[in-house]
Amino acid sequence: METTRVERPEQLALEVGRWTVSVWTIAVTVVFILVVGMLGNSVRKNNARADDWQRRAVAAEEIVGGLRVVLADRSRALNERTRQANELVGTLASSRGALRETKSSVGSLARRQRQLATDKARVEADLRKLRTQRTTLQSVASALSACSQTLESLATARPRPKPATTKSIIASCDRAQARFAAARGQLR
C-alpha cells in the first residue's frame, strides 16, 4: 500500500533526497535556533557580568577591610589626641589659676614695693634732716665747748683780762647759746 500525498497550497515543502521538509518547519527551526542563540548569548553575557560583579564585590570587600583597619587606626589616634587635649585643658586650667594667683601676688608685691619706696624716701629725707641737725649740733656743741673752755680759762686766769675782752667772749658765748636754743627748737 502506497500512500500518496495530497499537497495543499498552504503548505510548502522541500524535498531533499529522501526527506521532505516543510518551509514552516525550517522557518520555525531557524527562529528556534536564533532564539536559542540569543538566549545563549544573554546567558553568557549575564555570567560575564556576574563574574565581574563578583570580582568587584571581592575587591570592594578587600577595600572595606583595609578601610576598617585605617578607621581603627584613626580612631585610636583620635582617642589619643583627645586624651592629650583633655590633659592640656587640665594643665591650662591649673595654669590659669596659678596665673591669677601670680597676678594677685604681683599686685600685692607692687603695692608693697611702692609702700617700701615711699618709706625709703621718707627715711632718706629724715636721715638727711638728722645729718643736717647733727652737723648743726656738732657746730653748736663745738662753739659751746670752746666758749666754756674760754670762760674757764678767764675765771682761772691771773691777772684778770680786760673787760672788753671779757665782754667779747661773753657775747660769743651768748651767740653760741642762742644757736643751741634755736637748734633745740628745730629738734622738736
N, C-alpha and C. Protein backbone atom coordinates (compact mmCIF):
# COMPACT_ATOMS: atom_id res chain seq x y z
N MET A 1 0.78 -1.13 0.00
CA MET A 1 0.00 0.00 0.00
C MET A 1 0.85 1.24 0.00
N GLU A 2 0.57 1.94 -0.81
CA GLU A 2 1.35 3.13 -1.06
C GLU A 2 0.49 4.33 -0.71
N THR A 3 1.14 5.28 -0.07
CA THR A 3 0.37 6.47 0.28
C THR A 3 0.70 7.59 -0.69
N THR A 4 -0.22 8.29 -0.96
CA THR A 4 0.00 9.41 -1.86
C THR A 4 -0.19 10.69 -1.06
N ARG A 5 0.43 11.52 -1.56
CA ARG A 5 0.37 12.80 -0.85
C ARG A 5 -0.55 13.75 -1.56
N VAL A 6 -1.17 14.40 -0.75
CA VAL A 6 -2.02 15.43 -1.32
C VAL A 6 -1.38 16.75 -0.87
N GLU A 7 -1.14 17.51 -1.82
CA GLU A 7 -0.47 18.77 -1.48
C GLU A 7 -1.49 19.85 -1.31
N ARG A 8 -1.26 20.49 -0.29
CA ARG A 8 -2.13 21.62 -0.05
C ARG A 8 -1.36 22.87 -0.39
N PRO A 9 -2.02 23.83 -0.93
CA PRO A 9 -1.28 25.02 -1.32
C PRO A 9 -0.76 25.78 -0.12
N GLU A 10 -1.34 25.68 1.00
CA GLU A 10 -0.86 26.45 2.15
C GLU A 10 0.38 25.84 2.73
N GLN A 11 0.72 24.65 2.38
CA GLN A 11 1.93 24.04 2.88
C GLN A 11 2.93 23.96 1.74
N LEU A 12 4.08 24.45 2.02
CA LEU A 12 5.14 24.35 1.05
C LEU A 12 6.12 23.34 1.59
N ALA A 13 6.62 22.55 0.72
CA ALA A 13 7.54 21.53 1.18
C ALA A 13 8.72 21.49 0.25
N LEU A 14 9.81 21.08 0.82
CA LEU A 14 11.04 20.91 0.06
C LEU A 14 11.44 19.46 0.17
N GLU A 15 11.94 18.97 -0.91
CA GLU A 15 12.39 17.59 -0.88
C GLU A 15 13.88 17.62 -1.04
N VAL A 16 14.53 16.98 -0.11
CA VAL A 16 15.98 16.90 -0.16
C VAL A 16 16.27 15.40 -0.06
N GLY A 17 16.74 14.85 -1.13
CA GLY A 17 17.00 13.42 -1.13
C GLY A 17 15.73 12.70 -0.78
N ARG A 18 15.80 11.83 0.17
CA ARG A 18 14.62 11.07 0.57
C ARG A 18 13.78 11.84 1.56
N TRP A 19 14.20 12.95 1.99
CA TRP A 19 13.49 13.70 3.03
C TRP A 19 12.70 14.84 2.45
N THR A 20 11.58 15.04 3.08
CA THR A 20 10.75 16.17 2.67
C THR A 20 10.53 17.01 3.93
N VAL A 21 10.78 18.28 3.75
CA VAL A 21 10.68 19.18 4.91
C VAL A 21 9.80 20.36 4.49
N SER A 22 8.94 20.77 5.40
CA SER A 22 8.10 21.91 5.08
C SER A 22 8.85 23.21 5.40
N VAL A 23 8.51 24.24 4.68
CA VAL A 23 9.17 25.55 4.84
C VAL A 23 8.86 26.08 6.24
N TRP A 24 7.70 25.79 6.71
CA TRP A 24 7.31 26.27 8.04
C TRP A 24 8.17 25.60 9.10
N THR A 25 8.45 24.39 8.92
CA THR A 25 9.30 23.69 9.87
C THR A 25 10.69 24.27 9.86
N ILE A 26 11.17 24.56 8.66
CA ILE A 26 12.51 25.16 8.56
C ILE A 26 12.50 26.54 9.22
N ALA A 27 11.45 27.31 8.93
CA ALA A 27 11.37 28.65 9.49
C ALA A 27 11.30 28.60 11.01
N VAL A 28 10.50 27.68 11.54
CA VAL A 28 10.38 27.55 12.99
C VAL A 28 11.71 27.10 13.56
N THR A 29 12.37 26.20 12.88
CA THR A 29 13.66 25.71 13.35
C THR A 29 14.69 26.83 13.35
N VAL A 30 14.72 27.64 12.31
CA VAL A 30 15.68 28.77 12.23
C VAL A 30 15.38 29.77 13.34
N VAL A 31 14.11 30.07 13.52
CA VAL A 31 13.74 31.02 14.58
C VAL A 31 14.13 30.43 15.93
N PHE A 32 13.87 29.10 16.08
CA PHE A 32 14.24 28.45 17.33
C PHE A 32 15.74 28.54 17.56
N ILE A 33 16.52 28.29 16.54
CA ILE A 33 17.98 28.35 16.67
C ILE A 33 18.42 29.78 17.01
N LEU A 34 17.81 30.76 16.34
CA LEU A 34 18.14 32.17 16.63
C LEU A 34 17.80 32.53 18.07
N VAL A 35 16.62 32.11 18.51
CA VAL A 35 16.20 32.41 19.89
C VAL A 35 17.14 31.73 20.87
N VAL A 36 17.46 30.45 20.60
CA VAL A 36 18.37 29.73 21.49
C VAL A 36 19.73 30.40 21.48
N GLY A 37 20.19 30.84 20.31
CA GLY A 37 21.49 31.53 20.22
C GLY A 37 21.48 32.84 21.00
N MET A 38 20.39 33.59 20.85
CA MET A 38 20.29 34.86 21.58
C MET A 38 20.22 34.62 23.08
N LEU A 39 19.45 33.59 23.46
CA LEU A 39 19.37 33.26 24.89
C LEU A 39 20.73 32.80 25.40
N GLY A 40 21.43 32.01 24.60
CA GLY A 40 22.77 31.57 24.99
C GLY A 40 23.72 32.76 25.14
N ASN A 41 23.62 33.71 24.20
CA ASN A 41 24.44 34.92 24.27
C ASN A 41 24.10 35.72 25.53
N SER A 42 22.81 35.86 25.82
CA SER A 42 22.38 36.57 27.02
C SER A 42 22.90 35.89 28.28
N VAL A 43 22.82 34.56 28.29
CA VAL A 43 23.31 33.80 29.45
C VAL A 43 24.80 34.02 29.61
N ARG A 44 25.53 33.97 28.48
CA ARG A 44 26.98 34.19 28.53
C ARG A 44 27.30 35.60 29.05
N LYS A 45 26.56 36.60 28.53
CA LYS A 45 26.79 37.98 28.99
C LYS A 45 26.43 38.14 30.47
N ASN A 46 25.33 37.53 30.89
CA ASN A 46 24.93 37.60 32.30
C ASN A 46 25.97 36.93 33.19
N ASN A 47 26.50 35.78 32.73
CA ASN A 47 27.56 35.11 33.51
C ASN A 47 28.80 35.99 33.60
N ALA A 48 29.13 36.66 32.47
CA ALA A 48 30.30 37.56 32.48
C ALA A 48 30.06 38.73 33.44
N ARG A 49 28.85 39.28 33.40
CA ARG A 49 28.51 40.38 34.31
C ARG A 49 28.53 39.90 35.77
N ALA A 50 28.01 38.72 36.01
CA ALA A 50 28.01 38.18 37.37
C ALA A 50 29.43 37.98 37.86
N ASP A 51 30.31 37.45 36.98
CA ASP A 51 31.73 37.29 37.36
C ASP A 51 32.36 38.65 37.64
N ASP A 52 32.03 39.65 36.80
CA ASP A 52 32.57 41.00 37.00
C ASP A 52 32.09 41.58 38.34
N TRP A 53 30.80 41.42 38.62
CA TRP A 53 30.27 41.92 39.89
C TRP A 53 30.90 41.18 41.07
N GLN A 54 31.12 39.89 40.91
CA GLN A 54 31.75 39.12 41.99
C GLN A 54 33.16 39.62 42.22
N ARG A 55 33.92 39.88 41.13
CA ARG A 55 35.28 40.42 41.28
C ARG A 55 35.23 41.79 41.97
N ARG A 56 34.27 42.61 41.54
CA ARG A 56 34.13 43.93 42.16
C ARG A 56 33.77 43.81 43.63
N ALA A 57 32.88 42.89 43.96
CA ALA A 57 32.47 42.69 45.35
C ALA A 57 33.65 42.25 46.20
N VAL A 58 34.47 41.33 45.65
CA VAL A 58 35.65 40.86 46.39
C VAL A 58 36.62 42.02 46.59
N ALA A 59 36.85 42.81 45.51
CA ALA A 59 37.75 43.97 45.61
C ALA A 59 37.21 44.98 46.62
N ALA A 60 35.89 45.24 46.55
CA ALA A 60 35.29 46.19 47.48
C ALA A 60 35.39 45.68 48.91
N GLU A 61 35.23 44.38 49.09
CA GLU A 61 35.35 43.79 50.42
C GLU A 61 36.77 43.97 50.96
N GLU A 62 37.76 43.77 50.07
CA GLU A 62 39.15 43.98 50.49
C GLU A 62 39.40 45.44 50.84
N ILE A 63 38.85 46.34 50.03
CA ILE A 63 38.99 47.78 50.30
C ILE A 63 38.33 48.13 51.63
N VAL A 64 37.13 47.60 51.84
CA VAL A 64 36.41 47.86 53.09
C VAL A 64 37.22 47.34 54.27
N GLY A 65 37.81 46.14 54.10
CA GLY A 65 38.66 45.60 55.18
C GLY A 65 39.83 46.53 55.46
N GLY A 66 40.48 47.03 54.39
CA GLY A 66 41.59 47.97 54.56
C GLY A 66 41.12 49.26 55.21
N LEU A 67 39.95 49.73 54.78
CA LEU A 67 39.40 50.96 55.37
C LEU A 67 39.04 50.77 56.83
N ARG A 68 38.59 49.58 57.18
CA ARG A 68 38.29 49.31 58.60
C ARG A 68 39.56 49.41 59.43
N VAL A 69 40.67 48.88 58.88
CA VAL A 69 41.95 48.95 59.60
C VAL A 69 42.36 50.42 59.74
N VAL A 70 42.25 51.18 58.62
CA VAL A 70 42.60 52.60 58.67
C VAL A 70 41.70 53.33 59.65
N LEU A 71 40.41 53.02 59.61
CA LEU A 71 39.46 53.66 60.52
C LEU A 71 39.78 53.34 61.98
N ALA A 72 40.15 52.09 62.24
CA ALA A 72 40.51 51.71 63.61
C ALA A 72 41.77 52.47 64.05
N ASP A 73 42.77 52.56 63.14
CA ASP A 73 44.00 53.32 63.47
C ASP A 73 43.68 54.78 63.73
N ARG A 74 42.86 55.35 62.86
CA ARG A 74 42.49 56.77 63.03
C ARG A 74 41.71 56.98 64.32
N SER A 75 40.84 56.03 64.64
CA SER A 75 40.06 56.14 65.89
C SER A 75 40.99 56.10 67.09
N ARG A 76 41.98 55.19 67.07
CA ARG A 76 42.95 55.13 68.18
C ARG A 76 43.73 56.44 68.27
N ALA A 77 44.17 56.95 67.10
CA ALA A 77 44.93 58.21 67.09
C ALA A 77 44.06 59.35 67.60
N LEU A 78 42.79 59.38 67.18
CA LEU A 78 41.88 60.43 67.64
C LEU A 78 41.66 60.33 69.15
N ASN A 79 41.49 59.11 69.65
CA ASN A 79 41.32 58.93 71.09
C ASN A 79 42.55 59.41 71.85
N GLU A 80 43.72 59.12 71.32
CA GLU A 80 44.97 59.56 71.96
C GLU A 80 45.06 61.09 71.95
N ARG A 81 44.72 61.69 70.81
CA ARG A 81 44.76 63.16 70.72
C ARG A 81 43.72 63.78 71.66
N THR A 82 42.57 63.13 71.77
CA THR A 82 41.53 63.64 72.68
C THR A 82 42.02 63.57 74.12
N ARG A 83 42.68 62.45 74.47
CA ARG A 83 43.23 62.33 75.83
C ARG A 83 44.27 63.42 76.07
N GLN A 84 45.16 63.65 75.09
CA GLN A 84 46.17 64.69 75.24
C GLN A 84 45.54 66.06 75.36
N ALA A 85 44.50 66.30 74.55
CA ALA A 85 43.81 67.60 74.61
C ALA A 85 43.17 67.79 75.98
N ASN A 86 42.58 66.73 76.53
CA ASN A 86 41.98 66.83 77.85
C ASN A 86 43.03 67.12 78.92
N GLU A 87 44.20 66.49 78.78
CA GLU A 87 45.29 66.77 79.73
C GLU A 87 45.73 68.23 79.61
N LEU A 88 45.83 68.71 78.37
CA LEU A 88 46.22 70.11 78.15
C LEU A 88 45.19 71.07 78.73
N VAL A 89 43.91 70.71 78.60
CA VAL A 89 42.86 71.56 79.16
C VAL A 89 43.01 71.62 80.68
N GLY A 90 43.30 70.46 81.29
CA GLY A 90 43.51 70.44 82.75
C GLY A 90 44.72 71.27 83.13
N THR A 91 45.80 71.12 82.37
CA THR A 91 47.01 71.90 82.64
C THR A 91 46.74 73.38 82.46
N LEU A 92 45.99 73.71 81.40
CA LEU A 92 45.65 75.11 81.14
C LEU A 92 44.82 75.69 82.28
N ALA A 93 43.86 74.91 82.77
CA ALA A 93 43.02 75.39 83.86
C ALA A 93 43.86 75.65 85.12
N SER A 94 44.75 74.72 85.44
CA SER A 94 45.59 74.93 86.63
C SER A 94 46.57 76.08 86.40
N SER A 95 47.05 76.22 85.16
CA SER A 95 47.96 77.34 84.86
C SER A 95 47.23 78.68 84.98
N ARG A 96 45.98 78.69 84.54
CA ARG A 96 45.20 79.94 84.67
C ARG A 96 45.02 80.29 86.14
N GLY A 97 44.73 79.27 86.96
CA GLY A 97 44.60 79.54 88.39
C GLY A 97 45.90 80.05 88.98
N ALA A 98 46.99 79.41 88.59
CA ALA A 98 48.30 79.85 89.08
C ALA A 98 48.61 81.26 88.57
N LEU A 99 48.22 81.54 87.33
CA LEU A 99 48.46 82.87 86.77
C LEU A 99 47.65 83.92 87.52
N ARG A 100 46.39 83.60 87.85
CA ARG A 100 45.58 84.54 88.63
C ARG A 100 46.23 84.80 89.99
N GLU A 101 46.68 83.71 90.64
CA GLU A 101 47.34 83.87 91.94
C GLU A 101 48.62 84.69 91.79
N THR A 102 49.37 84.44 90.73
CA THR A 102 50.61 85.17 90.49
C THR A 102 50.31 86.65 90.25
N LYS A 103 49.27 86.93 89.43
CA LYS A 103 48.89 88.33 89.19
C LYS A 103 48.51 89.00 90.49
N SER A 104 47.76 88.29 91.32
CA SER A 104 47.37 88.84 92.62
C SER A 104 48.61 89.10 93.47
N SER A 105 49.53 88.12 93.48
CA SER A 105 50.77 88.28 94.25
C SER A 105 51.60 89.43 93.70
N VAL A 106 51.66 89.53 92.37
CA VAL A 106 52.43 90.62 91.76
C VAL A 106 51.81 91.95 92.14
N GLY A 107 50.48 92.02 92.13
CA GLY A 107 49.81 93.25 92.54
C GLY A 107 50.13 93.60 93.98
N SER A 108 50.08 92.59 94.84
CA SER A 108 50.40 92.83 96.26
C SER A 108 51.86 93.26 96.40
N LEU A 109 52.74 92.57 95.68
CA LEU A 109 54.16 92.93 95.76
C LEU A 109 54.41 94.33 95.20
N ALA A 110 53.69 94.69 94.14
CA ALA A 110 53.86 96.03 93.57
C ALA A 110 53.40 97.09 94.57
N ARG A 111 52.25 96.83 95.23
CA ARG A 111 51.78 97.78 96.26
C ARG A 111 52.78 97.86 97.40
N ARG A 112 53.28 96.70 97.81
CA ARG A 112 54.27 96.67 98.91
C ARG A 112 55.55 97.39 98.49
N GLN A 113 55.95 97.19 97.23
CA GLN A 113 57.17 97.85 96.74
C GLN A 113 56.97 99.37 96.72
N ARG A 114 55.81 99.84 96.29
CA ARG A 114 55.54 101.29 96.30
C ARG A 114 55.56 101.81 97.73
N GLN A 115 54.95 101.04 98.65
CA GLN A 115 54.95 101.45 100.05
C GLN A 115 56.37 101.52 100.59
N LEU A 116 57.18 100.50 100.27
CA LEU A 116 58.57 100.48 100.72
C LEU A 116 59.36 101.64 100.11
N ALA A 117 59.09 101.95 98.82
CA ALA A 117 59.78 103.08 98.17
C ALA A 117 59.40 104.38 98.86
N THR A 118 58.11 104.51 99.22
CA THR A 118 57.66 105.71 99.93
C THR A 118 58.34 105.78 101.30
N ASP A 119 58.36 104.65 102.00
CA ASP A 119 59.01 104.61 103.32
C ASP A 119 60.49 104.92 103.21
N LYS A 120 61.14 104.39 102.17
CA LYS A 120 62.57 104.64 101.98
C LYS A 120 62.82 106.12 101.73
N ALA A 121 61.99 106.72 100.88
CA ALA A 121 62.15 108.15 100.60
C ALA A 121 61.98 108.97 101.88
N ARG A 122 60.98 108.59 102.69
CA ARG A 122 60.76 109.30 103.96
C ARG A 122 61.96 109.11 104.89
N VAL A 123 62.46 107.87 104.97
CA VAL A 123 63.61 107.60 105.84
C VAL A 123 64.84 108.36 105.35
N GLU A 124 65.03 108.39 104.02
CA GLU A 124 66.17 109.13 103.49
C GLU A 124 66.05 110.62 103.78
N ALA A 125 64.83 111.16 103.67
CA ALA A 125 64.62 112.58 103.99
C ALA A 125 64.91 112.81 105.48
N ASP A 126 64.41 111.88 106.32
CA ASP A 126 64.68 112.01 107.76
C ASP A 126 66.17 111.90 108.04
N LEU A 127 66.85 111.01 107.33
CA LEU A 127 68.29 110.83 107.51
C LEU A 127 69.04 112.12 107.13
N ARG A 128 68.65 112.72 105.99
CA ARG A 128 69.29 113.99 105.59
C ARG A 128 69.05 115.06 106.64
N LYS A 129 67.81 115.10 107.16
CA LYS A 129 67.46 116.08 108.19
C LYS A 129 68.30 115.85 109.45
N LEU A 130 68.41 114.55 109.84
CA LEU A 130 69.21 114.23 111.04
C LEU A 130 70.69 114.56 110.83
N ARG A 131 71.20 114.32 109.64
CA ARG A 131 72.60 114.66 109.36
C ARG A 131 72.81 116.17 109.44
N THR A 132 71.85 116.91 108.88
CA THR A 132 71.95 118.38 108.96
C THR A 132 71.90 118.82 110.42
N GLN A 133 70.96 118.23 111.17
CA GLN A 133 70.85 118.58 112.59
C GLN A 133 72.12 118.19 113.35
N ARG A 134 72.68 117.03 113.01
CA ARG A 134 73.91 116.59 113.68
C ARG A 134 75.04 117.57 113.40
N THR A 135 75.13 117.97 112.12
CA THR A 135 76.19 118.91 111.77
C THR A 135 76.00 120.23 112.52
N THR A 136 74.74 120.67 112.56
CA THR A 136 74.44 121.92 113.29
C THR A 136 74.76 121.76 114.76
N LEU A 137 74.33 120.62 115.34
CA LEU A 137 74.57 120.39 116.77
C LEU A 137 76.06 120.25 117.05
N GLN A 138 76.79 119.60 116.15
CA GLN A 138 78.24 119.49 116.36
C GLN A 138 78.89 120.87 116.34
N SER A 139 78.42 121.70 115.41
CA SER A 139 78.97 123.06 115.33
C SER A 139 78.64 123.85 116.59
N VAL A 140 77.37 123.75 117.03
CA VAL A 140 76.94 124.47 118.25
C VAL A 140 77.67 123.91 119.47
N ALA A 141 77.78 122.56 119.55
CA ALA A 141 78.48 121.94 120.69
C ALA A 141 79.94 122.35 120.70
N SER A 142 80.53 122.42 119.52
CA SER A 142 81.93 122.83 119.44
C SER A 142 82.09 124.27 119.92
N ALA A 143 81.13 125.14 119.47
CA ALA A 143 81.19 126.55 119.89
C ALA A 143 80.95 126.68 121.39
N LEU A 144 79.97 125.92 121.93
CA LEU A 144 79.71 125.98 123.37
C LEU A 144 80.90 125.44 124.17
N SER A 145 81.50 124.37 123.68
CA SER A 145 82.66 123.80 124.37
C SER A 145 83.81 124.79 124.38
N ALA A 146 84.03 125.41 123.22
CA ALA A 146 85.11 126.41 123.14
C ALA A 146 84.82 127.57 124.06
N CYS A 147 83.55 127.99 124.10
CA CYS A 147 83.14 129.09 124.96
C CYS A 147 83.35 128.73 126.43
N SER A 148 82.94 127.49 126.75
CA SER A 148 83.08 127.02 128.13
C SER A 148 84.55 126.98 128.54
N GLN A 149 85.39 126.49 127.66
CA GLN A 149 86.83 126.42 127.97
C GLN A 149 87.41 127.83 128.09
N THR A 150 86.98 128.73 127.23
CA THR A 150 87.49 130.10 127.28
C THR A 150 87.05 130.76 128.58
N LEU A 151 85.78 130.55 128.96
CA LEU A 151 85.29 131.15 130.22
C LEU A 151 86.03 130.55 131.41
N GLU A 152 86.28 129.28 131.37
CA GLU A 152 87.01 128.64 132.46
C GLU A 152 88.43 129.20 132.56
N SER A 153 89.04 129.37 131.39
CA SER A 153 90.41 129.92 131.45
C SER A 153 90.40 131.37 131.91
N LEU A 154 89.32 132.12 131.60
CA LEU A 154 89.21 133.50 132.08
C LEU A 154 89.02 133.53 133.61
N ALA A 155 88.22 132.58 134.08
CA ALA A 155 87.94 132.56 135.51
C ALA A 155 89.18 132.18 136.29
N THR A 156 90.03 131.38 135.76
CA THR A 156 91.21 130.94 136.49
C THR A 156 92.45 131.77 136.13
N ALA A 157 92.28 132.68 135.20
CA ALA A 157 93.45 133.44 134.74
C ALA A 157 93.88 134.48 135.76
N ARG A 158 95.16 134.68 135.87
CA ARG A 158 95.73 135.70 136.73
C ARG A 158 96.68 136.47 135.86
N PRO A 159 96.69 137.52 135.84
CA PRO A 159 95.86 138.67 136.07
C PRO A 159 94.57 138.59 135.26
N ARG A 160 93.65 139.28 135.69
CA ARG A 160 92.33 139.30 135.06
C ARG A 160 92.43 139.99 133.73
N PRO A 161 91.69 139.41 132.72
CA PRO A 161 91.72 140.04 131.40
C PRO A 161 90.94 141.35 131.40
N LYS A 162 91.09 142.06 130.36
CA LYS A 162 90.44 143.36 130.22
C LYS A 162 88.94 143.14 130.07
N PRO A 163 88.14 144.05 130.55
CA PRO A 163 86.70 143.91 130.45
C PRO A 163 86.22 143.84 128.99
N ALA A 164 86.82 144.50 128.07
CA ALA A 164 86.38 144.45 126.67
C ALA A 164 86.58 143.05 126.13
N THR A 165 87.65 142.43 126.48
CA THR A 165 87.92 141.06 126.01
C THR A 165 86.89 140.14 126.63
N THR A 166 86.61 140.35 127.90
CA THR A 166 85.63 139.52 128.60
C THR A 166 84.26 139.69 127.97
N LYS A 167 83.87 140.94 127.64
CA LYS A 167 82.56 141.19 127.03
C LYS A 167 82.49 140.51 125.66
N SER A 168 83.53 140.58 124.92
CA SER A 168 83.56 139.97 123.60
C SER A 168 83.41 138.45 123.72
N ILE A 169 84.07 137.84 124.69
CA ILE A 169 83.98 136.39 124.90
C ILE A 169 82.57 136.02 125.36
N ILE A 170 81.99 136.81 126.25
CA ILE A 170 80.62 136.56 126.75
C ILE A 170 79.62 136.71 125.61
N ALA A 171 79.79 137.70 124.74
CA ALA A 171 78.89 137.89 123.59
C ALA A 171 78.98 136.67 122.67
N SER A 172 80.19 136.17 122.46
CA SER A 172 80.40 134.99 121.63
C SER A 172 79.69 133.78 122.25
N CYS A 173 79.77 133.65 123.57
CA CYS A 173 79.10 132.55 124.28
C CYS A 173 77.58 132.71 124.20
N ASP A 174 77.08 133.94 124.27
CA ASP A 174 75.64 134.18 124.16
C ASP A 174 75.13 133.78 122.76
N ARG A 175 75.92 134.12 121.76
CA ARG A 175 75.54 133.73 120.39
C ARG A 175 75.52 132.20 120.27
N ALA A 176 76.49 131.51 120.86
CA ALA A 176 76.54 130.04 120.81
C ALA A 176 75.33 129.46 121.53
N GLN A 177 74.92 130.06 122.67
CA GLN A 177 73.75 129.57 123.41
C GLN A 177 72.46 129.83 122.61
N ALA A 178 72.40 130.98 121.93
CA ALA A 178 71.22 131.29 121.10
C ALA A 178 71.13 130.27 119.95
N ARG A 179 72.27 129.95 119.35
CA ARG A 179 72.29 128.94 118.28
C ARG A 179 71.86 127.58 118.83
N PHE A 180 72.30 127.26 120.05
CA PHE A 180 71.92 126.00 120.68
C PHE A 180 70.41 125.95 120.93
N ALA A 181 69.86 127.06 121.41
CA ALA A 181 68.41 127.11 121.67
C ALA A 181 67.62 126.96 120.36
N ALA A 182 68.13 127.63 119.30
CA ALA A 182 67.45 127.55 118.01
C ALA A 182 67.51 126.10 117.48
N ALA A 183 68.66 125.46 117.61
CA ALA A 183 68.82 124.06 117.15
C ALA A 183 67.92 123.15 117.95
N ARG A 184 67.82 123.40 119.25
CA ARG A 184 66.95 122.59 120.11
C ARG A 184 65.48 122.78 119.71
N GLY A 185 65.11 123.98 119.34
CA GLY A 185 63.73 124.25 118.91
C GLY A 185 63.42 123.51 117.60
N GLN A 186 64.42 123.38 116.72
CA GLN A 186 64.21 122.67 115.45
C GLN A 186 64.04 121.16 115.67
N LEU A 187 64.63 120.64 116.76
CA LEU A 187 64.55 119.21 117.05
C LEU A 187 63.15 118.80 117.46
N ARG A 188 62.37 119.70 117.96
CA ARG A 188 61.04 119.35 118.46
C ARG A 188 60.07 119.24 117.37
